[in-house]
N, C-alpha and C. Protein backbone atom coordinates (compact mmCIF):
# COMPACT_ATOMS: atom_id res chain seq x y z
N MET A 1 0.72 -1.09 0.00
CA MET A 1 0.02 0.04 -0.12
C MET A 1 0.86 1.30 0.00
N CYS A 2 0.37 2.22 -0.59
CA CYS A 2 1.05 3.63 -0.50
C CYS A 2 0.52 4.70 0.27
N GLY A 3 1.05 5.76 0.68
CA GLY A 3 0.49 6.76 1.19
C GLY A 3 1.17 8.19 0.61
N ILE A 4 0.53 9.18 0.48
CA ILE A 4 0.71 10.40 0.23
C ILE A 4 0.58 11.42 1.04
N SER A 5 1.61 12.51 1.22
CA SER A 5 1.24 13.68 2.04
C SER A 5 1.87 14.92 1.07
N GLY A 6 1.18 15.83 1.59
CA GLY A 6 1.62 17.27 0.64
C GLY A 6 1.52 18.44 1.44
N ILE A 7 1.93 19.36 0.90
CA ILE A 7 1.74 21.00 1.57
C ILE A 7 1.51 21.78 0.38
N TYR A 8 0.48 22.52 0.15
CA TYR A 8 0.13 23.34 -0.72
C TYR A 8 0.10 24.84 -0.29
N SER A 9 0.72 25.67 -0.70
CA SER A 9 0.74 27.08 -0.48
C SER A 9 0.32 28.08 -1.54
N PHE A 10 -0.88 29.02 -1.32
CA PHE A 10 -1.20 30.05 -2.31
C PHE A 10 0.04 31.08 -2.24
N ASP A 11 0.71 31.25 -1.32
CA ASP A 11 1.66 32.26 -1.23
C ASP A 11 3.07 31.70 -1.70
N SER A 12 3.41 32.39 -2.94
CA SER A 12 4.78 31.93 -3.57
C SER A 12 5.84 32.31 -2.97
N GLN A 13 5.72 33.27 -1.87
CA GLN A 13 6.92 33.73 -1.21
C GLN A 13 7.22 32.93 0.00
N LYS A 14 6.07 32.13 0.31
CA LYS A 14 6.25 31.28 1.55
C LYS A 14 7.21 30.19 1.31
N VAL A 15 8.04 30.05 2.48
CA VAL A 15 9.17 28.93 2.42
C VAL A 15 8.46 27.63 3.13
N ILE A 16 8.59 26.65 2.44
CA ILE A 16 7.87 25.51 3.15
C ILE A 16 9.01 24.71 3.85
N ASP A 17 8.65 24.36 5.03
CA ASP A 17 9.09 23.68 6.08
C ASP A 17 9.43 22.13 5.83
N ILE A 18 10.49 21.76 5.29
CA ILE A 18 10.64 20.35 4.94
C ILE A 18 10.49 19.36 5.84
N SER A 19 10.96 19.89 7.23
CA SER A 19 10.93 19.01 8.38
C SER A 19 9.38 18.57 8.67
N LEU A 20 8.35 19.56 8.43
CA LEU A 20 7.09 19.29 8.40
C LEU A 20 6.90 18.04 7.63
N LEU A 21 7.22 18.23 6.17
CA LEU A 21 6.79 17.18 5.19
C LEU A 21 7.42 15.90 5.56
N LYS A 22 8.63 15.74 6.17
CA LYS A 22 9.21 14.61 6.68
C LYS A 22 8.55 13.99 7.70
N ALA A 23 7.93 15.00 8.74
CA ALA A 23 7.27 14.36 9.79
C ALA A 23 5.92 13.56 9.22
N MET A 24 5.15 14.22 8.36
CA MET A 24 4.15 13.90 7.71
C MET A 24 4.30 12.34 7.28
N ASN A 25 5.42 12.33 6.31
CA ASN A 25 5.79 11.14 5.82
C ASN A 25 5.95 9.97 6.79
N ALA A 26 6.56 10.39 7.81
CA ALA A 26 6.89 9.46 9.09
C ALA A 26 5.78 8.88 9.59
N LEU A 27 4.53 9.63 9.78
CA LEU A 27 3.48 9.14 10.48
C LEU A 27 2.60 8.02 9.47
N ILE A 28 3.16 8.16 8.09
CA ILE A 28 2.36 7.09 7.24
C ILE A 28 3.60 5.98 6.87
N GLU A 29 4.54 6.01 7.37
CA GLU A 29 5.72 5.05 6.91
C GLU A 29 5.15 3.53 6.97
N HIS A 30 4.15 3.25 8.02
CA HIS A 30 3.74 1.91 8.29
C HIS A 30 2.92 1.58 6.99
N ARG A 31 2.51 2.18 6.23
CA ARG A 31 1.67 1.81 4.92
C ARG A 31 2.52 1.23 3.79
N GLY A 32 3.88 1.50 3.99
CA GLY A 32 4.83 0.75 3.04
C GLY A 32 6.09 1.40 3.05
N PRO A 33 6.90 0.90 3.95
CA PRO A 33 8.30 1.61 4.18
C PRO A 33 9.48 1.28 2.97
N ASP A 34 8.98 0.75 1.81
CA ASP A 34 9.87 0.38 0.94
C ASP A 34 10.81 1.44 0.32
N ASP A 35 10.29 2.66 0.20
CA ASP A 35 10.94 3.99 -0.44
C ASP A 35 10.19 5.31 0.11
N GLU A 36 10.86 6.23 -0.05
CA GLU A 36 10.32 7.54 0.18
C GLU A 36 10.76 8.59 -0.65
N GLY A 37 10.03 9.59 -1.26
CA GLY A 37 10.56 10.56 -2.20
C GLY A 37 9.70 11.89 -2.14
N PHE A 38 10.28 12.98 -2.64
CA PHE A 38 9.59 14.21 -2.63
C PHE A 38 9.46 14.64 -4.03
N CYS A 39 8.78 15.55 -4.16
CA CYS A 39 8.30 16.13 -5.44
C CYS A 39 7.78 17.40 -5.35
N LEU A 40 8.53 18.44 -5.68
CA LEU A 40 8.10 20.00 -5.67
C LEU A 40 7.72 20.43 -7.17
N ILE A 41 6.45 20.82 -7.25
CA ILE A 41 5.91 21.36 -8.41
C ILE A 41 5.75 22.81 -8.43
N GLU A 42 6.38 23.43 -9.49
CA GLU A 42 6.29 24.98 -9.53
C GLU A 42 4.94 25.29 -9.94
N LYS A 43 4.21 26.22 -9.49
CA LYS A 43 2.94 26.50 -9.75
C LYS A 43 2.72 27.26 -11.08
N ASN A 44 3.51 28.08 -11.22
CA ASN A 44 3.35 28.83 -12.58
C ASN A 44 4.09 28.11 -13.83
N SER A 45 5.22 27.48 -13.57
CA SER A 45 5.71 26.70 -14.81
C SER A 45 5.26 25.11 -14.89
N HIS A 46 4.62 24.98 -13.95
CA HIS A 46 4.47 23.20 -13.61
C HIS A 46 5.60 22.52 -13.71
N LYS A 47 6.87 23.00 -13.52
CA LYS A 47 7.84 22.31 -13.36
C LYS A 47 8.00 21.30 -12.32
N ILE A 48 8.57 20.26 -12.47
CA ILE A 48 8.38 18.99 -11.48
C ILE A 48 9.86 18.83 -11.13
N LEU A 49 10.29 18.92 -9.78
CA LEU A 49 11.43 18.80 -9.17
C LEU A 49 11.32 17.39 -8.25
N PRO A 50 11.79 16.47 -8.76
CA PRO A 50 11.96 15.02 -7.88
C PRO A 50 12.93 14.97 -7.13
N PHE A 51 12.82 14.52 -5.98
CA PHE A 51 13.76 14.17 -4.93
C PHE A 51 13.42 12.73 -4.34
N SER A 52 14.07 11.83 -4.89
CA SER A 52 13.54 10.49 -4.65
C SER A 52 14.61 9.68 -4.09
N GLY A 53 14.25 8.48 -3.33
CA GLY A 53 15.15 7.42 -2.99
C GLY A 53 15.53 6.59 -3.98
N ASP A 54 16.41 5.68 -3.54
CA ASP A 54 17.25 4.69 -4.55
C ASP A 54 16.18 3.90 -5.04
N GLY A 55 15.14 3.43 -4.59
CA GLY A 55 14.25 2.56 -5.25
C GLY A 55 13.18 3.15 -6.11
N SER A 56 13.16 4.57 -6.37
CA SER A 56 12.08 5.14 -7.15
C SER A 56 12.48 5.27 -8.53
N LYS A 57 11.41 5.22 -9.11
CA LYS A 57 11.46 5.64 -10.67
C LYS A 57 11.73 7.05 -10.79
N GLU A 58 12.35 7.22 -12.04
CA GLU A 58 12.84 8.73 -12.23
C GLU A 58 11.58 9.62 -12.83
N ASP A 59 10.70 8.75 -13.56
CA ASP A 59 9.73 9.80 -13.91
C ASP A 59 8.35 9.52 -13.11
N ILE A 60 7.73 10.75 -12.95
CA ILE A 60 6.46 10.61 -11.90
C ILE A 60 5.29 10.66 -12.84
């Protein structure tokens, strides 16, 4: 099974706290601790910046 957590901000100047995202992922780790990854999506350009573990596929 998998789990998804995320943070969305309407404020483009707001700095996202990565430790909060890591804490959210830790709470759902029991759903499948095989791998963990992060993905940042820029709102205006829709550019995807993946930060994945060794077992993750490169394309999202």
